[in-house]
């Protein structure tokens, strides 16, 4: 989800794992593990970090790799058992200085600047230990 996942892990901690998402060109919904409601300050920090990476217009590249190799390279995957032996790895940033690297099914943009600024409009519980963010994407 344009690395708001990375921003969430930076703001809230490494325990955060993606639990689901629904993304269109106009809006997004993102579910993640976290035991408590986010503060307005945390929401603002996540939104600012994401928008900064959008402004940076970082390249987004896709590479096919054996799953084990992708994980050795530091790619994050929270649904490991659902991925085939050969996976798509999406890297945000340059090859040697990346911001985020994840196994993902796509589709994706060519660079973060294609997305447009986001505005987090709602945060709520999506179940025990699961939080949900809603955001608008402004082109």
N, C-alpha and C. Protein backbone atom coordinates (compact mmCIF):
# COMPACT_ATOMS: atom_id res chain seq x y z
N UNK A 1 0.85 -1.17 0.00
CA UNK A 1 0.00 0.00 0.00
C UNK A 1 0.88 1.22 0.00
N UNK A 2 1.64 1.38 -0.94
CA UNK A 2 2.63 2.45 -0.99
C UNK A 2 3.34 2.61 0.33
N UNK A 3 3.69 1.60 0.90
CA UNK A 3 4.58 1.63 2.04
C UNK A 3 4.06 2.42 3.21
N UNK A 4 2.75 2.58 3.30
CA UNK A 4 2.26 3.08 4.59
C UNK A 4 2.52 1.98 5.60
N UNK A 5 2.65 0.75 5.09
CA UNK A 5 3.01 -0.37 5.96
C UNK A 5 4.37 -0.10 6.60
N UNK A 6 5.34 0.33 5.83
CA UNK A 6 6.67 0.67 6.35
C UNK A 6 6.54 1.82 7.35
N UNK A 7 5.73 2.81 7.04
CA UNK A 7 5.53 3.94 7.95
C UNK A 7 4.89 3.46 9.26
N UNK A 8 3.92 2.56 9.17
CA UNK A 8 3.29 2.02 10.38
C UNK A 8 4.30 1.30 11.25
N UNK A 9 5.16 0.49 10.64
CA UNK A 9 6.17 -0.23 11.41
C UNK A 9 7.17 0.74 12.03
N UNK A 10 7.49 1.82 11.33
CA UNK A 10 8.42 2.82 11.86
C UNK A 10 7.81 3.54 13.06
N UNK A 11 6.55 3.94 12.95
CA UNK A 11 5.88 4.69 14.02
C UNK A 11 5.48 3.80 15.19
N UNK A 12 4.93 2.61 14.89
CA UNK A 12 4.35 1.77 15.94
C UNK A 12 5.26 0.65 16.44
N UNK A 13 6.17 0.18 15.58
CA UNK A 13 7.09 -0.87 15.99
C UNK A 13 7.08 -2.06 15.05
N UNK A 14 8.09 -2.93 15.17
CA UNK A 14 8.25 -4.06 14.25
C UNK A 14 7.22 -5.17 14.43
N UNK A 15 6.39 -5.08 15.46
CA UNK A 15 5.33 -6.09 15.65
C UNK A 15 4.21 -5.94 14.62
N UNK A 16 4.14 -4.80 13.95
CA UNK A 16 3.07 -4.53 12.99
C UNK A 16 3.23 -5.45 11.78
N UNK A 17 2.14 -6.14 11.45
CA UNK A 17 2.10 -7.00 10.27
C UNK A 17 0.84 -6.68 9.47
N UNK A 18 0.98 -6.73 8.15
CA UNK A 18 -0.18 -6.51 7.30
C UNK A 18 -1.16 -7.66 7.48
N UNK A 19 -2.45 -7.33 7.56
CA UNK A 19 -3.48 -8.34 7.71
C UNK A 19 -4.48 -8.31 6.57
N UNK A 20 -4.39 -7.31 5.70
CA UNK A 20 -5.28 -7.22 4.55
C UNK A 20 -5.28 -5.82 4.00
N UNK A 21 -5.80 -5.69 2.77
CA UNK A 21 -5.91 -4.36 2.17
C UNK A 21 -6.92 -4.39 1.05
N UNK A 22 -7.41 -3.22 0.71
CA UNK A 22 -8.30 -3.02 -0.43
C UNK A 22 -7.97 -1.64 -0.96
N UNK A 23 -7.41 -1.58 -2.15
CA UNK A 23 -6.87 -0.34 -2.68
C UNK A 23 -7.43 -0.07 -4.07
N UNK A 24 -7.86 1.17 -4.30
CA UNK A 24 -8.26 1.62 -5.63
C UNK A 24 -7.47 2.89 -5.92
N UNK A 25 -7.70 3.49 -7.07
CA UNK A 25 -7.00 4.73 -7.42
C UNK A 25 -7.45 5.90 -6.55
N UNK A 26 -8.63 5.81 -5.94
CA UNK A 26 -9.18 6.93 -5.17
C UNK A 26 -9.07 6.76 -3.65
N UNK A 27 -8.97 5.53 -3.17
CA UNK A 27 -8.99 5.32 -1.72
C UNK A 27 -8.29 4.01 -1.37
N UNK A 28 -8.05 3.85 -0.07
CA UNK A 28 -7.46 2.60 0.38
C UNK A 28 -7.98 2.24 1.75
N UNK A 29 -7.96 0.95 2.01
CA UNK A 29 -8.24 0.40 3.33
C UNK A 29 -7.08 -0.54 3.63
N UNK A 30 -6.53 -0.42 4.83
CA UNK A 30 -5.37 -1.22 5.19
C UNK A 30 -5.54 -1.76 6.60
N UNK A 31 -5.48 -3.08 6.74
CA UNK A 31 -5.60 -3.75 8.04
C UNK A 31 -4.21 -4.20 8.50
N UNK A 32 -3.96 -4.03 9.80
CA UNK A 32 -2.65 -4.37 10.33
C UNK A 32 -2.78 -4.75 11.81
N UNK A 33 -1.80 -5.51 12.28
CA UNK A 33 -1.81 -5.92 13.69
C UNK A 33 -1.28 -4.79 14.56
N UNK A 34 -2.03 -4.49 15.60
CA UNK A 34 -1.61 -3.52 16.62
C UNK A 34 -2.65 -3.61 17.74
N UNK A 35 -2.21 -3.62 18.99
CA UNK A 35 -3.14 -3.90 20.09
C UNK A 35 -4.03 -2.74 20.53
N UNK A 36 -3.76 -1.53 20.06
CA UNK A 36 -4.54 -0.40 20.57
C UNK A 36 -4.80 0.66 19.51
N UNK A 37 -5.77 1.50 19.79
CA UNK A 37 -6.13 2.60 18.92
C UNK A 37 -4.93 3.52 18.71
N UNK A 38 -4.74 3.99 17.49
CA UNK A 38 -3.66 4.93 17.22
C UNK A 38 -4.06 6.31 17.73
N UNK A 39 -3.08 7.04 18.22
CA UNK A 39 -3.33 8.41 18.64
C UNK A 39 -3.38 9.30 17.40
N UNK A 40 -3.92 10.50 17.55
CA UNK A 40 -3.95 11.43 16.42
C UNK A 40 -2.53 11.78 16.00
N UNK A 41 -1.60 11.83 16.94
CA UNK A 41 -0.20 12.10 16.61
C UNK A 41 0.40 10.96 15.77
N UNK A 42 0.13 9.72 16.13
CA UNK A 42 0.64 8.58 15.36
C UNK A 42 0.05 8.58 13.94
N UNK A 43 -1.23 8.86 13.84
CA UNK A 43 -1.86 8.92 12.51
C UNK A 43 -1.19 10.00 11.67
N UNK A 44 -0.96 11.16 12.25
CA UNK A 44 -0.31 12.25 11.52
C UNK A 44 1.11 11.88 11.11
N UNK A 45 1.85 11.19 11.98
CA UNK A 45 3.21 10.76 11.65
C UNK A 45 3.20 9.80 10.46
N UNK A 46 2.29 8.82 10.48
CA UNK A 46 2.20 7.85 9.38
C UNK A 46 1.85 8.57 8.08
N UNK A 47 0.84 9.41 8.12
CA UNK A 47 0.42 10.15 6.93
C UNK A 47 1.57 11.01 6.38
N UNK A 48 2.27 11.70 7.25
CA UNK A 48 3.39 12.54 6.82
C UNK A 48 4.51 11.72 6.20
N UNK A 49 4.83 10.57 6.81
CA UNK A 49 5.90 9.72 6.25
C UNK A 49 5.53 9.21 4.87
N UNK A 50 4.29 8.77 4.71
CA UNK A 50 3.85 8.27 3.41
C UNK A 50 3.90 9.38 2.37
N UNK A 51 3.37 10.54 2.71
CA UNK A 51 3.36 11.65 1.76
C UNK A 51 4.76 12.13 1.42
N UNK A 52 5.68 12.02 2.35
CA UNK A 52 7.07 12.38 2.06
C UNK A 52 7.66 11.44 1.01
N UNK A 53 7.36 10.14 1.13
CA UNK A 53 7.87 9.17 0.15
C UNK A 53 7.19 9.35 -1.21
N UNK A 54 5.94 9.78 -1.20
CA UNK A 54 5.26 10.09 -2.47
C UNK A 54 5.97 11.28 -3.12
N UNK A 55 6.23 12.31 -2.33
CA UNK A 55 6.90 13.51 -2.84
C UNK A 55 8.30 13.18 -3.37
N UNK A 56 8.98 12.23 -2.72
CA UNK A 56 10.34 11.84 -3.14
C UNK A 56 10.35 11.16 -4.51
N UNK A 57 9.18 10.71 -4.98
CA UNK A 57 9.05 10.07 -6.29
C UNK A 57 10.05 8.92 -6.47
N UNK A 58 10.08 8.02 -5.49
CA UNK A 58 11.01 6.88 -5.51
C UNK A 58 10.59 5.86 -6.57
N UNK A 59 11.54 5.25 -7.24
CA UNK A 59 11.18 4.21 -8.20
C UNK A 59 10.62 2.98 -7.49
N UNK A 60 9.68 2.31 -8.15
CA UNK A 60 9.13 1.04 -7.66
C UNK A 60 9.47 0.00 -8.71
N UNK A 61 10.26 -0.98 -8.33
CA UNK A 61 10.68 -2.01 -9.28
C UNK A 61 10.20 -3.38 -8.85
N UNK A 62 9.99 -4.24 -9.83
CA UNK A 62 9.54 -5.60 -9.59
C UNK A 62 10.62 -6.56 -10.08
N UNK A 63 10.85 -7.58 -9.27
CA UNK A 63 11.83 -8.61 -9.63
C UNK A 63 11.25 -9.96 -9.23
N UNK A 64 11.41 -10.96 -10.09
CA UNK A 64 11.00 -12.32 -9.73
C UNK A 64 12.19 -13.05 -9.15
N UNK A 65 11.96 -13.68 -7.99
CA UNK A 65 13.03 -14.40 -7.30
C UNK A 65 12.46 -15.65 -6.65
N UNK A 66 13.31 -16.65 -6.37
CA UNK A 66 12.86 -17.73 -5.50
C UNK A 66 12.49 -17.13 -4.14
N UNK A 67 11.42 -17.62 -3.56
CA UNK A 67 10.91 -17.09 -2.29
C UNK A 67 12.01 -17.02 -1.22
N UNK A 68 12.78 -18.08 -1.06
CA UNK A 68 13.83 -18.10 -0.03
C UNK A 68 14.88 -17.02 -0.27
N UNK A 69 15.23 -16.77 -1.53
CA UNK A 69 16.21 -15.74 -1.86
C UNK A 69 15.66 -14.35 -1.54
N UNK A 70 14.40 -14.13 -1.87
CA UNK A 70 13.76 -12.84 -1.58
C UNK A 70 13.79 -12.55 -0.08
N UNK A 71 13.47 -13.56 0.72
CA UNK A 71 13.48 -13.39 2.17
C UNK A 71 14.89 -13.14 2.69
N UNK A 72 15.88 -13.83 2.12
CA UNK A 72 17.28 -13.61 2.51
C UNK A 72 17.72 -12.18 2.22
N UNK A 73 17.17 -11.58 1.15
CA UNK A 73 17.52 -10.21 0.78
C UNK A 73 16.81 -9.17 1.64
N UNK A 74 15.97 -9.61 2.55
CA UNK A 74 15.31 -8.68 3.45
C UNK A 74 13.89 -8.33 3.08
N UNK A 75 13.33 -8.96 2.06
CA UNK A 75 11.95 -8.68 1.69
C UNK A 75 11.01 -9.16 2.79
N UNK A 76 10.02 -8.36 3.09
CA UNK A 76 9.03 -8.73 4.10
C UNK A 76 7.90 -9.51 3.46
N UNK A 77 7.39 -10.48 4.17
CA UNK A 77 6.26 -11.29 3.70
C UNK A 77 5.51 -11.80 4.92
N UNK A 78 4.24 -11.47 5.00
CA UNK A 78 3.46 -11.91 6.16
C UNK A 78 2.44 -12.97 5.81
N UNK A 79 2.39 -13.35 4.55
CA UNK A 79 1.54 -14.44 4.11
C UNK A 79 2.42 -15.45 3.37
N UNK A 80 3.58 -15.78 3.97
CA UNK A 80 4.61 -16.58 3.31
C UNK A 80 4.05 -17.86 2.71
N UNK A 81 3.19 -18.54 3.45
CA UNK A 81 2.66 -19.82 2.99
C UNK A 81 1.77 -19.68 1.75
N UNK A 82 1.27 -18.49 1.48
CA UNK A 82 0.39 -18.27 0.33
C UNK A 82 1.15 -18.00 -0.96
N UNK A 83 2.45 -17.73 -0.86
CA UNK A 83 3.23 -17.39 -2.04
C UNK A 83 3.82 -18.63 -2.69
N UNK A 84 3.92 -18.63 -4.03
CA UNK A 84 4.55 -19.75 -4.73
C UNK A 84 6.06 -19.74 -4.52
N UNK A 85 6.73 -20.73 -5.07
CA UNK A 85 8.19 -20.82 -4.91
C UNK A 85 8.91 -19.66 -5.58
N UNK A 86 8.37 -19.16 -6.70
CA UNK A 86 8.91 -17.97 -7.37
C UNK A 86 7.95 -16.83 -7.08
N UNK A 87 8.48 -15.72 -6.54
CA UNK A 87 7.64 -14.62 -6.08
C UNK A 87 8.00 -13.31 -6.77
N UNK A 88 7.06 -12.38 -6.73
CA UNK A 88 7.32 -11.01 -7.16
C UNK A 88 7.76 -10.22 -5.94
N UNK A 89 8.90 -9.55 -6.07
CA UNK A 89 9.42 -8.71 -5.01
C UNK A 89 9.38 -7.28 -5.51
N UNK A 90 8.68 -6.41 -4.77
CA UNK A 90 8.58 -5.00 -5.12
C UNK A 90 9.49 -4.22 -4.20
N UNK A 91 10.35 -3.42 -4.80
CA UNK A 91 11.30 -2.60 -4.05
C UNK A 91 10.97 -1.14 -4.31
N UNK A 92 10.85 -0.38 -3.23
CA UNK A 92 10.63 1.06 -3.33
C UNK A 92 11.96 1.72 -2.99
N UNK A 93 12.49 2.48 -3.94
CA UNK A 93 13.79 3.11 -3.79
C UNK A 93 14.80 2.44 -4.70
N UNK A 94 16.03 2.89 -4.61
CA UNK A 94 17.07 2.33 -5.47
C UNK A 94 17.48 0.94 -4.98
N UNK A 95 18.07 0.18 -5.87
CA UNK A 95 18.42 -1.21 -5.58
C UNK A 95 19.31 -1.34 -4.34
N UNK A 96 20.27 -0.45 -4.19
CA UNK A 96 21.21 -0.55 -3.07
C UNK A 96 20.82 0.32 -1.88
N UNK A 97 19.80 1.16 -2.04
CA UNK A 97 19.37 2.05 -0.96
C UNK A 97 17.85 2.09 -0.95
N UNK A 98 17.25 0.95 -0.63
CA UNK A 98 15.79 0.86 -0.72
C UNK A 98 15.12 1.27 0.58
N UNK A 99 13.91 1.78 0.40
CA UNK A 99 13.08 2.18 1.53
C UNK A 99 12.24 1.01 2.02
N UNK A 100 11.73 0.23 1.08
CA UNK A 100 10.87 -0.89 1.43
C UNK A 100 11.02 -1.98 0.38
N UNK A 101 10.93 -3.23 0.83
CA UNK A 101 11.01 -4.38 -0.07
C UNK A 101 10.04 -5.43 0.46
N UNK A 102 9.10 -5.84 -0.41
CA UNK A 102 8.07 -6.79 0.03
C UNK A 102 7.70 -7.77 -1.07
N UNK A 103 7.30 -8.96 -0.65
CA UNK A 103 6.67 -9.89 -1.56
C UNK A 103 5.24 -9.40 -1.75
N UNK A 104 4.79 -9.36 -2.98
CA UNK A 104 3.44 -8.84 -3.22
C UNK A 104 2.96 -9.30 -4.57
N UNK A 105 1.64 -9.36 -4.70
CA UNK A 105 1.03 -9.77 -5.96
C UNK A 105 0.77 -8.63 -6.92
N UNK A 106 0.90 -7.38 -6.45
CA UNK A 106 0.70 -6.23 -7.32
C UNK A 106 -0.76 -5.97 -7.59
N UNK A 107 -1.13 -5.15 -8.54
CA UNK A 107 -0.25 -4.33 -9.40
C UNK A 107 0.30 -3.13 -8.65
N UNK A 108 1.28 -2.49 -9.25
CA UNK A 108 1.95 -1.37 -8.61
C UNK A 108 2.22 -0.25 -9.61
N UNK A 109 2.61 0.88 -9.08
CA UNK A 109 2.98 2.04 -9.90
C UNK A 109 4.46 1.94 -10.25
N UNK A 110 4.89 2.78 -11.19
CA UNK A 110 6.30 2.82 -11.56
C UNK A 110 7.15 3.63 -10.62
N UNK A 111 6.50 4.59 -9.92
CA UNK A 111 7.20 5.39 -8.92
C UNK A 111 6.18 5.92 -7.92
N UNK A 112 6.65 6.26 -6.75
CA UNK A 112 5.74 6.71 -5.70
C UNK A 112 5.04 8.01 -6.06
N UNK A 113 5.68 8.84 -6.89
CA UNK A 113 5.09 10.11 -7.27
C UNK A 113 3.81 9.98 -8.09
N UNK A 114 3.55 8.81 -8.66
CA UNK A 114 2.34 8.59 -9.45
C UNK A 114 1.09 8.50 -8.58
N UNK A 115 1.26 8.37 -7.29
CA UNK A 115 0.13 8.06 -6.41
C UNK A 115 -0.71 9.27 -6.07
N UNK A 116 -0.11 10.35 -5.71
CA UNK A 116 -0.86 11.49 -5.18
C UNK A 116 -0.89 11.42 -3.67
N UNK A 117 -1.03 12.56 -3.04
CA UNK A 117 -1.02 12.62 -1.57
C UNK A 117 -2.16 11.81 -0.98
N UNK A 118 -1.91 11.25 0.21
CA UNK A 118 -2.98 10.54 0.91
C UNK A 118 -3.43 11.36 2.11
N UNK A 119 -4.66 11.13 2.50
CA UNK A 119 -5.22 11.73 3.72
C UNK A 119 -5.90 10.60 4.48
N UNK A 120 -5.38 10.26 5.66
CA UNK A 120 -6.01 9.24 6.49
C UNK A 120 -7.28 9.85 7.08
N UNK A 121 -8.41 9.21 6.80
CA UNK A 121 -9.70 9.77 7.21
C UNK A 121 -10.35 9.01 8.36
N UNK A 122 -9.87 7.80 8.63
CA UNK A 122 -10.49 7.03 9.70
C UNK A 122 -9.55 5.92 10.16
N UNK A 123 -9.62 5.61 11.46
CA UNK A 123 -8.89 4.49 12.03
C UNK A 123 -9.85 3.81 12.99
N UNK A 124 -9.92 2.46 12.90
CA UNK A 124 -10.87 1.74 13.75
C UNK A 124 -10.39 0.32 14.01
N UNK A 125 -11.07 -0.35 14.91
CA UNK A 125 -10.80 -1.76 15.17
C UNK A 125 -11.40 -2.59 14.05
N UNK A 126 -10.67 -3.61 13.63
CA UNK A 126 -11.18 -4.56 12.64
C UNK A 126 -11.23 -5.96 13.24
N UNK A 127 -11.12 -6.05 14.56
CA UNK A 127 -11.12 -7.33 15.27
C UNK A 127 -10.10 -7.27 16.39
N UNK A 128 -10.00 -8.32 17.14
CA UNK A 128 -9.09 -8.38 18.26
C UNK A 128 -7.64 -8.25 17.79
N UNK A 129 -6.96 -7.19 18.20
CA UNK A 129 -5.57 -6.98 17.84
C UNK A 129 -5.35 -6.53 16.40
N UNK A 130 -6.42 -6.18 15.69
CA UNK A 130 -6.33 -5.74 14.30
C UNK A 130 -6.91 -4.33 14.19
N UNK A 131 -6.15 -3.44 13.60
CA UNK A 131 -6.60 -2.06 13.36
C UNK A 131 -6.79 -1.87 11.86
N UNK A 132 -7.60 -0.89 11.50
CA UNK A 132 -7.90 -0.62 10.09
C UNK A 132 -7.79 0.88 9.85
N UNK A 133 -7.04 1.24 8.80
CA UNK A 133 -6.94 2.62 8.35
C UNK A 133 -7.69 2.79 7.05
N UNK A 134 -8.38 3.91 6.90
CA UNK A 134 -8.99 4.32 5.64
C UNK A 134 -8.33 5.62 5.21
N UNK A 135 -8.05 5.75 3.93
CA UNK A 135 -7.44 6.98 3.43
C UNK A 135 -7.97 7.31 2.05
N UNK A 136 -8.00 8.60 1.75
CA UNK A 136 -8.32 9.09 0.40
C UNK A 136 -7.00 9.35 -0.31
N UNK A 137 -7.01 9.13 -1.60
CA UNK A 137 -5.86 9.44 -2.42
C UNK A 137 -6.23 10.63 -3.29
N UNK A 138 -5.46 11.72 -3.15
CA UNK A 138 -5.73 12.95 -3.90
C UNK A 138 -4.75 13.06 -5.04
N UNK A 139 -5.23 12.94 -6.24
CA UNK A 139 -4.35 13.01 -7.43
C UNK A 139 -3.81 14.40 -7.63
